[in-house]
Amino acid sequence: MIKYKLECKNCEITFDSWFATSKEYEKLKKKKLLACYNCESSEVEKTLMAPKFINSKKKSKNNLDQSKSLGIKKTIKKYQKFIKQNFQYVGENFVYEARSIHYDKKKKTKGIYGNASKNDIKELKEEGIETQMIPWLDDKNN
């Protein structure tokens, strides 16, 4: 399919029209089967049009960005799997549990992970409690 911008020489209106091929346009033009939709004149001509080029650089950049994104997601999932296997999930009690472990030296436990706000993390760091925030992807979204 090819799209041409056509102009009526009679009423000077321009409009778009689709053709199977450029030869099809020429055949219809020769048989005077092209007509203006506004005034029904057969004095219809193609106007100058800029060709549309596919930008292979942009396409490859999008593919590269998508490839990077998939690589990052794969790495995050790998970290998540490691964390789930080696740390205890404490959910919303993360801040309480982190303080409990830090201040009760007798309490021996494996590392924990859970949910905390940025402000909570800042407060824990100010108290000398080492924490890290990592991006977390829900299993249902992957």
C-alpha atoms as a PDB file:
ATOM      1  CA  MET A   1       0.000   0.000   0.000  1.00  0.00           C
ATOM      2  CA  ILE A   2       1.119   3.503  -0.786  1.00  0.00           C
ATOM      3  CA  LYS A   3      -0.357   6.785   0.418  1.00  0.00           C
ATOM      4  CA  TYR A   4      -0.359   9.858  -1.807  1.00  0.00           C
ATOM      5  CA  LYS A   5      -1.327  13.408  -0.944  1.00  0.00           C
ATOM      6  CA  LEU A   6      -3.605  14.531  -3.778  1.00  0.00           C
ATOM      7  CA  GLU A   7      -4.630  18.038  -4.804  1.00  0.00           C
ATOM      8  CA  CYS A   8      -7.703  19.034  -6.735  1.00  0.00           C
ATOM      9  CA  LYS A   9      -6.780  21.594  -9.408  1.00  0.00           C
ATOM     10  CA  ASN A  10     -10.380  22.766  -9.539  1.00  0.00           C
ATOM     11  CA  CYS A  11     -11.105  23.605  -5.858  1.00  0.00           C
ATOM     12  CA  GLU A  12      -7.476  23.456  -4.612  1.00  0.00           C
ATOM     13  CA  ILE A  13      -8.283  21.145  -1.717  1.00  0.00           C
ATOM     14  CA  THR A  14      -5.701  18.545  -0.670  1.00  0.00           C
ATOM     15  CA  PHE A  15      -6.465  15.084   0.668  1.00  0.00           C
ATOM     16  CA  ASP A  16      -4.794  11.732   1.242  1.00  0.00           C
ATOM     17  CA  SER A  17      -5.599   8.598  -0.678  1.00  0.00           C
ATOM     18  CA  TRP A  18      -4.278   5.036  -0.509  1.00  0.00           C
ATOM     19  CA  PHE A  19      -3.368   2.902  -3.507  1.00  0.00           C
ATOM     20  CA  ALA A  20      -2.244  -0.714  -3.844  1.00  0.00           C
ATOM     21  CA  THR A  21       0.838   0.384  -5.839  1.00  0.00           C
ATOM     22  CA  SER A  22       2.125   3.459  -7.647  1.00  0.00           C
ATOM     23  CA  LYS A  23       1.173   1.728 -10.925  1.00  0.00           C
ATOM     24  CA  GLU A  24      -2.388   1.410  -9.645  1.00  0.00           C
ATOM     25  CA  TYR A  25      -2.507   5.202  -9.147  1.00  0.00           C
ATOM     26  CA  GLU A  26      -1.259   5.757 -12.706  1.00  0.00           C
ATOM     27  CA  LYS A  27      -3.829   3.306 -14.120  1.00  0.00           C
ATOM     28  CA  LEU A  28      -6.734   5.009 -12.303  1.00  0.00           C
ATOM     29  CA  LYS A  29      -5.458   8.452 -13.329  1.00  0.00           C
ATOM     30  CA  LYS A  30      -5.207   7.400 -16.984  1.00  0.00           C
ATOM     31  CA  LYS A  31      -8.791   6.059 -16.964  1.00  0.00           C
ATOM     32  CA  LYS A  32      -9.960   9.296 -15.248  1.00  0.00           C
ATOM     33  CA  LEU A  33     -11.352   7.332 -12.296  1.00  0.00           C
ATOM     34  CA  LEU A  34      -9.795   9.626  -9.687  1.00  0.00           C
ATOM     35  CA  ALA A  35     -12.123  12.357  -8.492  1.00  0.00           C
ATOM     36  CA  CYS A  36     -12.081  15.052  -5.833  1.00  0.00           C
ATOM     37  CA  TYR A  37     -14.349  14.161  -2.930  1.00  0.00           C
ATOM     38  CA  ASN A  38     -15.321  17.826  -2.545  1.00  0.00           C
ATOM     39  CA  CYS A  39     -16.225  18.961  -6.068  1.00  0.00           C
ATOM     40  CA  GLU A  40     -16.066  15.617  -7.953  1.00  0.00           C
ATOM     41  CA  SER A  41     -13.619  17.057 -10.478  1.00  0.00           C
ATOM     42  CA  SER A  42     -11.297  14.589 -12.201  1.00  0.00           C
ATOM     43  CA  GLU A  43      -8.503  17.184 -12.232  1.00  0.00           C
ATOM     44  CA  VAL A  44      -6.660  15.518  -9.367  1.00  0.00           C
ATOM     45  CA  GLU A  45      -2.844  15.368  -9.190  1.00  0.00           C
ATOM     46  CA  LYS A  46      -0.236  14.063  -6.786  1.00  0.00           C
ATOM     47  CA  THR A  47       1.537  16.759  -4.775  1.00  0.00           C
ATOM     48  CA  LEU A  48       5.171  16.743  -3.760  1.00  0.00           C
ATOM     49  CA  MET A  49       5.718  14.472  -0.820  1.00  0.00           C
ATOM     50  CA  ALA A  50       8.748  13.737   1.314  1.00  0.00           C
ATOM     51  CA  PRO A  51       9.510  10.039   1.491  1.00  0.00           C
ATOM     52  CA  LYS A  52       9.341   8.407   4.910  1.00  0.00           C
ATOM     53  CA  PHE A  53      12.553   6.688   5.844  1.00  0.00           C
ATOM     54  CA  ILE A  54      12.885   4.184   8.639  1.00  0.00           C
ATOM     55  CA  ASN A  55      15.630   5.322  10.960  1.00  0.00           C
ATOM     56  CA  SER A  56      17.643   2.184  11.647  1.00  0.00           C
ATOM     57  CA  LYS A  57      19.716   3.965  14.320  1.00  0.00           C
ATOM     58  CA  LYS A  58      16.626   4.812  16.337  1.00  0.00           C
ATOM     59  CA  LYS A  59      15.274   1.292  15.918  1.00  0.00           C
ATOM     60  CA  SER A  60      18.538  -0.280  17.032  1.00  0.00           C
ATOM     61  CA  LYS A  61      18.729   2.171  19.970  1.00  0.00           C
ATOM     62  CA  ASN A  62      15.261   1.065  21.095  1.00  0.00           C
ATOM     63  CA  ASN A  63      16.325  -2.566  20.769  1.00  0.00           C
ATOM     64  CA  LEU A  64      19.469  -1.778  22.770  1.00  0.00           C
ATOM     65  CA  ASP A  65      17.436   0.004  25.479  1.00  0.00           C
ATOM     66  CA  GLN A  66      15.035  -2.930  25.630  1.00  0.00           C
ATOM     67  CA  SER A  67      17.966  -5.344  25.811  1.00  0.00           C
ATOM     68  CA  LYS A  68      19.528  -3.335  28.667  1.00  0.00           C
ATOM     69  CA  SER A  69      16.193  -3.262  30.496  1.00  0.00           C
ATOM     70  CA  LEU A  70      15.815  -7.027  30.221  1.00  0.00           C
ATOM     71  CA  GLY A  71      19.393  -7.477  31.458  1.00  0.00           C
ATOM     72  CA  ILE A  72      18.743  -5.244  34.463  1.00  0.00           C
ATOM     73  CA  LYS A  73      15.509  -7.090  35.293  1.00  0.00           C
ATOM     74  CA  LYS A  74      17.341 -10.412  35.080  1.00  0.00           C
ATOM     75  CA  THR A  75      20.040  -9.163  37.477  1.00  0.00           C
ATOM     76  CA  ILE A  76      17.460  -7.830  39.948  1.00  0.00           C
ATOM     77  CA  LYS A  77      15.613 -11.162  39.863  1.00  0.00           C
ATOM     78  CA  LYS A  78      18.913 -12.950  40.568  1.00  0.00           C
ATOM     79  CA  TYR A  79      19.549 -10.698  43.602  1.00  0.00           C
ATOM     80  CA  GLN A  80      15.983 -11.240  44.808  1.00  0.00           C
ATOM     81  CA  LYS A  81      16.378 -15.012  44.595  1.00  0.00           C
ATOM     82  CA  PHE A  82      19.612 -14.825  46.614  1.00  0.00           C
ATOM     83  CA  ILE A  83      17.997 -12.578  49.248  1.00  0.00           C
ATOM     84  CA  LYS A  84      14.928 -14.822  49.597  1.00  0.00           C
ATOM     85  CA  GLN A  85      17.146 -17.882  50.087  1.00  0.00           C
ATOM     86  CA  ASN A  86      19.591 -16.313  52.549  1.00  0.00           C
ATOM     87  CA  PHE A  87      17.659 -13.704  54.543  1.00  0.00           C
ATOM     88  CA  GLN A  88      14.550 -13.714  56.706  1.00  0.00           C
ATOM     89  CA  TYR A  89      11.539 -11.729  55.482  1.00  0.00           C
ATOM     90  CA  VAL A  90      10.125  -9.480  58.232  1.00  0.00           C
ATOM     91  CA  GLY A  91       7.757  -7.386  56.112  1.00  0.00           C
ATOM     92  CA  GLU A  92       6.580  -4.119  57.664  1.00  0.00           C
ATOM     93  CA  ASN A  93       8.505  -4.889  60.891  1.00  0.00           C
ATOM     94  CA  PHE A  94      11.842  -4.240  59.208  1.00  0.00           C
ATOM     95  CA  VAL A  95      12.769  -1.117  61.202  1.00  0.00           C
ATOM     96  CA  TYR A  96      11.854  -2.706  64.549  1.00  0.00           C
ATOM     97  CA  GLU A  97      13.737  -5.933  63.727  1.00  0.00           C
ATOM     98  CA  ALA A  98      16.801  -4.040  62.462  1.00  0.00           C
ATOM     99  CA  ARG A  99      17.017  -2.043  65.716  1.00  0.00           C
ATOM    100  CA  SER A 100      16.394  -5.181  67.759  1.00  0.00           C
ATOM    101  CA  ILE A 101      19.284  -7.018  66.081  1.00  0.00           C
ATOM    102  CA  HIS A 102      21.594  -4.006  66.304  1.00  0.00           C
ATOM    103  CA  TYR A 103      21.030  -3.172  69.966  1.00  0.00           C
ATOM    104  CA  ASP A 104      20.706  -6.744  71.330  1.00  0.00           C
ATOM    105  CA  LYS A 105      24.216  -8.080  70.746  1.00  0.00           C
ATOM    106  CA  LYS A 106      23.196 -11.520  72.060  1.00  0.00           C
ATOM    107  CA  LYS A 107      20.577 -11.872  69.354  1.00  0.00           C
ATOM    108  CA  LYS A 108      22.182 -13.929  66.607  1.00  0.00           C
ATOM    109  CA  THR A 109      20.066 -14.114  63.517  1.00  0.00           C
ATOM    110  CA  LYS A 110      20.603 -14.252  59.813  1.00  0.00           C
ATOM    111  CA  GLY A 111      20.085 -11.054  57.858  1.00  0.00           C
ATOM    112  CA  ILE A 112      16.633  -9.666  57.324  1.00  0.00           C
ATOM    113  CA  TYR A 113      14.753  -7.952  54.549  1.00  0.00           C
ATOM    114  CA  GLY A 114      11.431  -6.178  54.429  1.00  0.00           C
ATOM    115  CA  ASN A 115       9.735  -2.852  53.865  1.00  0.00           C
ATOM    116  CA  ALA A 116      10.801   0.568  55.136  1.00  0.00           C
ATOM    117  CA  SER A 117      10.389   4.164  54.046  1.00  0.00           C
ATOM    118  CA  LYS A 118      13.303   6.313  52.902  1.00  0.00           C
ATOM    119  CA  ASN A 119      12.984   8.296  56.110  1.00  0.00           C
ATOM    120  CA  ASP A 120      13.181   5.098  58.194  1.00  0.00           C
ATOM    121  CA  ILE A 121      16.311   4.006  56.311  1.00  0.00           C
ATOM    122  CA  LYS A 122      17.872   7.434  56.904  1.00  0.00           C
ATOM    123  CA  GLU A 123      17.165   7.201  60.634  1.00  0.00           C
ATOM    124  CA  LEU A 124      18.635   3.678  60.822  1.00  0.00           C
ATOM    125  CA  LYS A 125      21.818   4.849  59.085  1.00  0.00           C
ATOM    126  CA  GLU A 126      22.095   7.802  61.496  1.00  0.00           C
ATOM    127  CA  GLU A 127      21.958   5.276  64.357  1.00  0.00           C
ATOM    128  CA  GLY A 128      24.787   3.319  62.766  1.00  0.00           C
ATOM    129  CA  ILE A 129      22.582   0.480  61.554  1.00  0.00           C
ATOM    130  CA  GLU A 130      23.753  -0.673  58.131  1.00  0.00           C
ATOM    131  CA  THR A 131      20.924  -0.967  55.613  1.00  0.00           C
ATOM    132  CA  GLN A 132      20.567  -1.037  51.853  1.00  0.00           C
ATOM    133  CA  MET A 133      17.667  -0.275  49.559  1.00  0.00           C
ATOM    134  CA  ILE A 134      17.353  -2.327  46.414  1.00  0.00           C
ATOM    135  CA  PRO A 135      14.698  -2.268  43.697  1.00  0.00           C
ATOM    136  CA  TRP A 136      12.186  -5.081  44.112  1.00  0.00           C
ATOM    137  CA  LEU A 137      10.129  -6.577  41.294  1.00  0.00           C
ATOM    138  CA  ASP A 138       6.876  -8.330  42.120  1.00  0.00           C
ATOM    139  CA  ASP A 139       6.737 -11.883  40.833  1.00  0.00           C
ATOM    140  CA  LYS A 140       3.341 -11.303  39.229  1.00  0.00           C
ATOM    141  CA  ASN A 141       4.715  -8.436  37.090  1.00  0.00           C
ATOM    142  CA  ASN A 142       7.470 -10.520  35.508  1.00  0.00           C
END
